Amino acid sequence: ESEIFRVRLDKAQAVAAGGHTPYAYSFAPTHSSAAFAEAFDSLSPGAEDASAEVALCGRVMTKRSFGKLAFFTVQDGEGTFQLYLDKKRLGAAFRPFLDATDGGDFVGVKGGVKRTDKGELSVLVAEATLLTKALRPLPDKWKGLADVNKRYRQRYLDMIVNPRVRATFAARARITAYLRRYLDERGFLEIETPCLNAQPGGAEAKPFETYHNALGLDLTLRIATELYLKRLVIGGVERVYELGRIFRNEGISTRHNPEFTSIELYQAYADYEDMMALTEELVAGAARHVAGGTSVEYQGASIDLAPPWRRVTMAELVAEKLPQFDFFALHE
C-alpha cells in the first residue's frame, strides 16, 4: 500500500507541477447520474445527441482503456454513469488525463451525450478535470469490503463500495425527517434537553461519566430524555418530544451501540390508548413515506405494518407461550 500511496502522490505532484491543482475548489454539474439517465432515456443504442451539453462529476470506480478510447465508470450520490473518452475529441489532453487518474479519484467532465452500441448511456467527454486525487486505493472491486470490523470502523469505505449501505443511511434520514414532520404537524414541540446530567435517570442503565472543570462537578451523559421532557409538560408544554442521542456505557456489538438515537414524546390529557394509536400511525406512515407501502421485507420475512395492530397485554402474551405459567401469581 505504501508503494501505491507514493505513486499516487507523485501523480498529484505532477498535476500541480503542470499548472493544475489536483484538489479543485469547485465544479458545477448540470445533472446528477439519475437526472442524466432520465433526461436521455430515449436515446437509441449507437446514437449521439449532438446538441446536448452536460456536466457531471463523481468518483472514478473503474477504468478501461483501449488505445485511443477509454471508458470510466463514475459514481455520484445517486448512482453511476459512464464516461466515453475519445482521443480524437480530447486531443492532447487525452493521455495526461488517463495517466493522472486512478480508481477513487473525483473527476468532473463536460461534453455531449452518446449511447454506445451496447446500450450504455455515456458522457461523450470534451473536457475532463481531475477534481480530487485519491492517495489510497479503493477496496478490491471483486472482493469488495467483506471484513465486518473494517466495515463498521470505516463506514465511508463501506458506503463507497456498497450502494445498499448508502441507501440505508438515506432511508434513515428520511425516516427521522418524517417523524419530526408528523409530530410537528400535530402540535408537538421538539425541545432539546441537557445531555449532561448531575443525576442520570429515566432508565436503568450504566452512564458514561465525565467532569465539568469550571463547575468542579461530576456529571454523566444522559441515559434517557424522559425526566426533562416530563418537566416541560409540568411547565405547560402540552405536547413535547425530543429525537436525540442517548449514551449507555454497556455492551457493544454490530447490533448494539452505546451511543444511539431515541425518540420520546409526551402528550397531556392523553392515555396509553392514544399513544398506541399515535405509534401505529407514526410507524406505518414512515414506512409508506420511505418504502412506498406498509409491507416491508426484513431478514427474509415479510412484515405488514398497516394499522390496526393487535392489542394484547403482557400477561396474555406470556400465557400464550407459557400456558402453565401464572403471570398474575407473581405479586404473591
Protein backbone atom coordinates (compact mmCIF):
# COMPACT_ATOMS: atom_id res chain seq x y z
CA GLU A 1 0.00 0.00 0.00
CA SER A 2 2.90 2.38 0.70
CA GLU A 3 4.09 1.97 -2.89
CA ILE A 4 0.59 2.72 -4.22
CA PHE A 5 0.44 5.78 -1.96
CA ARG A 6 3.80 7.02 -3.26
CA VAL A 7 2.82 6.53 -6.91
CA ARG A 8 -0.45 8.37 -6.43
CA LEU A 9 1.26 11.18 -4.54
CA ASP A 10 3.73 11.51 -7.42
CA LYS A 11 0.80 11.85 -9.81
CA ALA A 12 -0.76 14.58 -7.68
CA GLN A 13 2.53 16.45 -7.58
CA ALA A 14 2.93 16.07 -11.35
CA VAL A 15 -0.51 17.58 -11.91
CA ALA A 16 0.42 20.51 -9.66
CA ALA A 17 3.76 20.95 -11.48
CA GLY A 18 1.84 21.14 -14.75
CA GLY A 19 -0.05 24.20 -13.52
CA HIS A 20 -3.26 22.47 -12.40
CA THR A 21 -4.46 21.79 -8.89
CA PRO A 22 -5.10 18.13 -8.02
CA TYR A 23 -7.62 19.39 -5.44
CA ALA A 24 -10.05 21.69 -7.22
CA TYR A 25 -12.18 24.16 -5.26
CA SER A 26 -15.45 23.59 -7.07
CA PHE A 27 -17.27 22.16 -10.07
CA ALA A 28 -20.77 22.98 -11.32
CA PRO A 29 -22.62 19.91 -12.65
CA THR A 30 -25.73 20.26 -14.80
CA HIS A 31 -27.01 16.76 -14.00
CA SER A 32 -26.75 14.06 -11.36
CA SER A 33 -26.42 10.49 -12.60
CA ALA A 34 -30.14 9.89 -12.05
CA ALA A 35 -31.19 13.10 -13.80
CA PHE A 36 -28.78 12.31 -16.66
CA ALA A 37 -30.29 8.86 -17.15
CA GLU A 38 -33.83 10.26 -17.06
CA ALA A 39 -33.14 13.17 -19.41
CA PHE A 40 -31.64 10.98 -22.15
CA ASP A 41 -33.60 7.80 -21.60
CA SER A 42 -34.99 7.87 -25.15
CA LEU A 43 -31.57 7.94 -26.84
CA SER A 44 -31.17 4.82 -29.00
CA PRO A 45 -28.12 2.50 -28.94
CA GLY A 46 -25.35 3.89 -31.15
CA ALA A 47 -26.92 7.37 -31.24
CA GLU A 48 -25.49 10.71 -30.16
CA ASP A 49 -27.25 13.90 -29.06
CA ALA A 50 -25.14 16.48 -30.86
CA SER A 51 -26.97 19.42 -29.27
CA ALA A 52 -26.58 18.27 -25.69
CA GLU A 53 -24.14 19.97 -23.34
CA VAL A 54 -23.85 18.28 -19.96
CA ALA A 55 -21.52 18.47 -16.99
CA LEU A 56 -21.27 15.67 -14.43
CA CYS A 57 -18.89 14.80 -11.62
CA GLY A 58 -18.17 11.95 -9.23
CA ARG A 59 -15.77 9.29 -8.06
CA VAL A 60 -13.99 7.02 -10.56
CA MET A 61 -14.90 3.42 -9.74
CA THR A 62 -13.38 1.61 -12.75
CA LYS A 63 -11.17 2.47 -15.74
CA ARG A 64 -10.94 0.60 -19.04
CA SER A 65 -8.52 1.77 -21.71
CA PHE A 66 -8.37 0.55 -25.31
CA GLY A 67 -5.68 2.56 -27.05
CA LYS A 68 -7.39 5.70 -28.33
CA LEU A 69 -10.60 5.00 -26.41
CA ALA A 70 -11.24 4.78 -22.67
CA PHE A 71 -14.31 4.17 -20.53
CA PHE A 72 -14.70 5.23 -16.92
CA THR A 73 -17.48 4.22 -14.56
CA VAL A 74 -18.13 7.17 -12.26
CA GLN A 75 -20.27 7.19 -9.11
CA ASP A 76 -22.07 10.14 -7.60
CA GLY A 77 -24.57 10.37 -4.77
CA GLU A 78 -27.44 8.96 -6.85
CA GLY A 79 -25.86 6.20 -8.92
CA THR A 80 -23.30 5.66 -11.67
CA PHE A 81 -22.69 6.90 -15.19
CA GLN A 82 -20.13 6.16 -17.90
CA LEU A 83 -17.53 8.42 -19.47
CA TYR A 84 -16.71 7.89 -23.13
CA LEU A 85 -13.23 9.31 -23.68
CA ASP A 86 -12.07 9.54 -27.30
CA LYS A 87 -8.58 10.78 -28.17
CA LYS A 88 -9.92 12.40 -31.34
CA ARG A 89 -12.26 14.53 -29.26
CA LEU A 90 -9.97 15.26 -26.30
CA GLY A 91 -6.80 15.70 -28.32
CA ALA A 92 -3.60 16.36 -26.38
CA ALA A 93 -5.48 16.22 -23.05
CA PHE A 94 -6.43 12.55 -23.53
CA ARG A 95 -3.27 10.79 -22.39
CA PRO A 96 -2.34 13.14 -19.49
CA PHE A 97 -5.84 12.76 -18.02
CA LEU A 98 -5.72 8.96 -18.24
CA ASP A 99 -2.25 8.86 -16.74
CA ALA A 100 -3.20 11.16 -13.85
CA THR A 101 -6.38 9.35 -12.78
CA ASP A 102 -6.93 6.20 -10.72
CA GLY A 103 -9.86 4.47 -9.12
CA GLY A 104 -11.13 6.56 -6.22
CA ASP A 105 -10.30 9.92 -7.80
CA PHE A 106 -13.01 12.53 -8.25
CA VAL A 107 -13.38 13.92 -11.75
CA GLY A 108 -15.57 16.47 -13.47
CA VAL A 109 -16.42 16.27 -17.17
CA LYS A 110 -18.26 18.30 -19.78
CA GLY A 111 -19.41 17.21 -23.20
CA GLY A 112 -22.17 15.66 -25.25
CA VAL A 113 -24.24 12.53 -24.82
CA LYS A 114 -23.85 9.17 -26.51
CA ARG A 115 -25.41 5.78 -26.05
CA THR A 116 -22.96 3.05 -27.00
CA ASP A 117 -23.82 0.18 -29.31
CA LYS A 118 -24.20 -1.97 -26.19
CA GLY A 119 -26.77 0.47 -24.83
CA GLU A 120 -24.67 2.23 -22.17
CA LEU A 121 -25.62 5.90 -21.77
CA SER A 122 -22.37 7.89 -21.67
CA VAL A 123 -20.97 11.37 -21.43
CA LEU A 124 -19.07 11.98 -24.67
CA VAL A 125 -16.26 13.84 -22.95
CA ALA A 126 -14.97 17.08 -24.49
CA GLU A 127 -13.36 18.44 -21.31
CA ALA A 128 -12.12 16.47 -18.30
CA THR A 129 -10.84 17.78 -14.99
CA LEU A 130 -9.25 15.99 -12.06
CA LEU A 131 -11.11 17.36 -9.03
CA THR A 132 -9.56 15.35 -6.20
CA LYS A 133 -6.64 12.94 -6.31
CA ALA A 134 -7.18 9.92 -4.04
CA LEU A 135 -3.93 8.80 -2.43
CA ARG A 136 -5.24 5.43 -1.28
CA PRO A 137 -6.91 2.79 -3.46
CA LEU A 138 -10.48 1.59 -3.21
CA PRO A 139 -11.16 -1.93 -1.90
CA ASP A 140 -10.82 -4.70 -4.46
CA LYS A 141 -13.68 -4.37 -6.96
CA TRP A 142 -14.36 -8.11 -6.97
CA LYS A 143 -13.91 -8.99 -3.31
CA GLY A 144 -15.45 -5.74 -2.07
CA LEU A 145 -15.28 -4.91 1.62
CA ALA A 146 -16.13 -8.14 3.40
CA ASP A 147 -14.34 -7.55 6.72
CA VAL A 148 -17.19 -6.72 9.14
CA ASN A 149 -14.86 -4.98 11.60
CA LYS A 150 -13.46 -2.70 8.89
CA ARG A 151 -16.93 -2.01 7.53
CA TYR A 152 -18.06 -0.65 10.89
CA ARG A 153 -14.84 1.18 11.71
CA GLN A 154 -14.52 2.75 8.25
CA ARG A 155 -18.12 3.33 7.24
CA TYR A 156 -17.08 5.73 4.50
CA LEU A 157 -15.37 2.83 2.68
CA ASP A 158 -18.43 0.67 3.23
CA MET A 159 -20.61 3.37 1.69
CA ILE A 160 -18.32 3.72 -1.34
CA VAL A 161 -18.34 0.06 -2.32
CA ASN A 162 -21.77 -1.00 -1.02
CA PRO A 163 -24.53 1.18 -2.52
CA ARG A 164 -27.14 -0.53 -0.33
CA VAL A 165 -25.40 0.88 2.75
CA ARG A 166 -25.71 4.41 1.35
CA ALA A 167 -29.36 3.70 0.63
CA THR A 168 -29.85 2.64 4.26
CA PHE A 169 -28.34 5.89 5.52
CA ALA A 170 -30.60 7.84 3.15
CA ALA A 171 -33.67 5.88 4.28
CA ARG A 172 -32.84 6.54 7.93
CA ALA A 173 -32.55 10.28 7.23
CA ARG A 174 -35.97 10.25 5.54
CA ILE A 175 -37.46 8.34 8.49
CA THR A 176 -36.21 10.84 11.08
CA ALA A 177 -37.38 13.75 8.90
CA TYR A 178 -40.82 12.14 8.64
CA LEU A 179 -41.05 11.57 12.40
CA ARG A 180 -40.34 15.22 13.09
CA ARG A 181 -42.72 16.44 10.39
CA TYR A 182 -45.54 14.16 11.58
CA LEU A 183 -45.26 15.33 15.18
CA ASP A 184 -44.73 19.00 14.30
CA GLU A 185 -47.91 18.98 12.18
CA ARG A 186 -49.85 17.70 15.21
CA GLY A 187 -48.78 20.46 17.53
CA PHE A 188 -45.80 18.80 19.22
CA LEU A 189 -42.75 20.89 20.02
CA GLU A 190 -39.28 19.39 19.76
CA ILE A 191 -37.23 20.78 22.63
CA GLU A 192 -33.60 19.90 23.22
CA THR A 193 -32.86 18.79 26.77
CA PRO A 194 -29.46 18.60 28.51
CA CYS A 195 -27.05 15.82 27.58
CA LEU A 196 -25.02 16.41 30.74
CA ASN A 197 -26.85 15.31 33.88
CA ALA A 198 -25.92 15.62 37.53
CA GLN A 199 -28.05 12.56 38.21
CA PRO A 200 -28.82 10.03 35.47
CA GLY A 201 -32.45 8.98 35.31
CA GLY A 202 -35.34 7.85 33.16
CA ALA A 203 -33.96 4.36 32.64
CA GLU A 204 -31.92 1.60 34.24
CA ALA A 205 -28.50 1.80 32.59
CA LYS A 206 -24.87 2.47 33.44
CA PRO A 207 -23.95 6.01 32.37
CA PHE A 208 -20.78 7.45 30.91
CA GLU A 209 -19.10 9.66 33.49
CA THR A 210 -17.36 12.97 32.91
CA TYR A 211 -16.21 16.02 34.86
CA HIS A 212 -17.09 19.70 34.43
CA ASN A 213 -13.87 21.66 35.04
CA ALA A 214 -15.43 25.12 35.51
CA LEU A 215 -18.05 23.91 37.99
CA GLY A 216 -15.89 21.28 39.66
CA LEU A 217 -18.78 18.88 39.23
CA ASP A 218 -19.06 15.20 38.38
CA LEU A 219 -21.58 14.69 35.58
CA THR A 220 -22.88 11.87 33.42
CA LEU A 221 -24.08 11.71 29.84
CA ARG A 222 -27.82 11.15 29.71
CA ILE A 223 -29.23 7.66 29.54
CA ALA A 224 -32.73 8.88 28.60
CA THR A 225 -34.57 12.11 27.75
CA GLU A 226 -37.60 11.26 29.89
CA LEU A 227 -37.22 13.37 33.03
CA TYR A 228 -36.58 16.73 31.38
CA LEU A 229 -39.41 16.17 28.91
CA LYS A 230 -41.81 15.44 31.77
CA ARG A 231 -40.70 18.66 33.47
CA LEU A 232 -41.61 20.51 30.28
CA VAL A 233 -45.12 19.04 30.46
CA ILE A 234 -45.29 20.28 34.07
CA GLY A 235 -44.24 23.70 32.79
CA GLY A 236 -47.16 23.83 30.38
CA VAL A 237 -45.80 22.37 27.13
CA GLU A 238 -48.70 20.05 26.46
CA ARG A 239 -47.17 18.19 23.52
CA VAL A 240 -43.42 17.72 23.51
CA TYR A 241 -40.81 15.37 22.08
CA GLU A 242 -37.11 15.01 21.51
CA LEU A 243 -35.32 12.94 18.92
CA GLY A 244 -31.78 12.82 20.24
CA ARG A 245 -28.70 10.89 21.22
CA ILE A 246 -28.62 8.60 24.25
CA PHE A 247 -25.46 7.25 25.91
CA ARG A 248 -25.32 3.97 27.85
CA ASN A 249 -21.97 2.59 28.97
CA GLU A 250 -22.82 -1.05 28.41
CA GLY A 251 -22.19 -3.80 25.83
CA ILE A 252 -21.24 -3.19 22.21
CA SER A 253 -21.72 -5.19 19.03
CA THR A 254 -22.74 -4.65 15.41
CA ARG A 255 -26.34 -4.50 16.68
CA HIS A 256 -25.83 -2.58 19.92
CA ASN A 257 -24.18 0.82 20.07
CA PRO A 258 -23.57 2.57 23.42
CA GLU A 259 -24.44 5.82 21.60
CA PHE A 260 -27.78 5.69 19.80
CA THR A 261 -30.78 7.78 18.79
CA SER A 262 -34.14 7.57 20.51
CA ILE A 263 -37.40 9.47 20.37
CA GLU A 264 -39.56 10.14 23.40
CA LEU A 265 -42.80 12.10 23.30
CA TYR A 266 -45.34 13.20 25.87
CA GLN A 267 -48.89 14.46 25.40
CA ALA A 268 -51.01 15.95 28.16
CA TYR A 269 -54.59 14.69 28.54
CA ALA A 270 -53.83 11.52 26.56
CA ASP A 271 -53.72 7.94 27.79
CA TYR A 272 -51.97 4.78 26.65
CA GLU A 273 -54.68 4.10 24.04
CA ASP A 274 -53.94 7.48 22.43
CA MET A 275 -50.21 6.69 22.50
CA MET A 276 -50.74 3.29 20.87
CA ALA A 277 -52.79 4.86 18.07
CA LEU A 278 -50.16 7.56 17.55
CA THR A 279 -47.34 4.99 17.50
CA GLU A 280 -49.19 2.88 14.93
CA GLU A 281 -49.69 5.76 12.55
CA LEU A 282 -46.18 7.12 13.14
CA VAL A 283 -44.53 3.81 12.20
CA ALA A 284 -46.92 2.96 9.35
CA GLY A 285 -46.67 6.49 7.96
CA ALA A 286 -42.86 6.35 8.00
CA ALA A 287 -43.00 3.03 6.13
CA ARG A 288 -45.33 4.47 3.50
CA HIS A 289 -43.13 7.55 3.13
CA VAL A 290 -39.81 5.70 2.84
CA ALA A 291 -40.68 2.24 1.48
CA GLY A 292 -43.75 3.17 -0.54
CA GLY A 293 -46.09 0.95 1.49
CA THR A 294 -46.62 -0.74 4.82
CA SER A 295 -45.33 -4.15 3.71
CA VAL A 296 -41.56 -4.41 4.26
CA GLU A 297 -39.01 -7.20 3.99
CA TYR A 298 -36.69 -7.87 6.94
CA GLN A 299 -34.21 -10.76 7.07
CA GLY A 300 -36.23 -12.73 4.54
CA ALA A 301 -39.56 -12.21 6.28
CA SER A 302 -42.43 -10.02 5.11
CA ILE A 303 -43.85 -7.72 7.80
CA ASP A 304 -47.11 -5.80 7.39
CA LEU A 305 -47.11 -2.58 9.40
CA ALA A 306 -50.59 -1.46 8.37
CA PRO A 307 -52.86 -0.41 11.27
CA PRO A 308 -54.67 -1.54 13.28
CA TRP A 309 -52.11 -3.59 15.17
CA ARG A 310 -53.04 -6.31 17.57
CA ARG A 311 -53.70 -5.04 21.11
CA VAL A 312 -52.55 -7.52 23.73
CA THR A 313 -51.34 -7.33 27.34
CA MET A 314 -48.02 -8.68 28.55
CA ALA A 315 -49.86 -11.23 30.71
CA GLU A 316 -51.74 -12.54 27.66
CA LEU A 317 -48.54 -12.87 25.65
CA VAL A 318 -46.85 -14.82 28.44
CA ALA A 319 -49.89 -17.11 28.74
CA GLU A 320 -49.77 -17.83 25.00
CA LYS A 321 -46.16 -19.00 25.15
CA LEU A 322 -46.19 -20.50 28.67
CA PRO A 323 -49.73 -21.72 29.40
CA GLN A 324 -48.58 -23.33 32.65
CA PHE A 325 -47.16 -20.05 33.98
CA ASP A 326 -49.48 -17.86 36.08
CA PHE A 327 -48.34 -14.30 35.41
CA PHE A 328 -50.77 -12.81 37.93
CA ALA A 329 -49.45 -15.00 40.75
CA LEU A 330 -46.10 -13.15 40.73
CA HIS A 331 -47.24 -10.50 43.20
CA GLU A 332 -47.90 -13.23 45.75
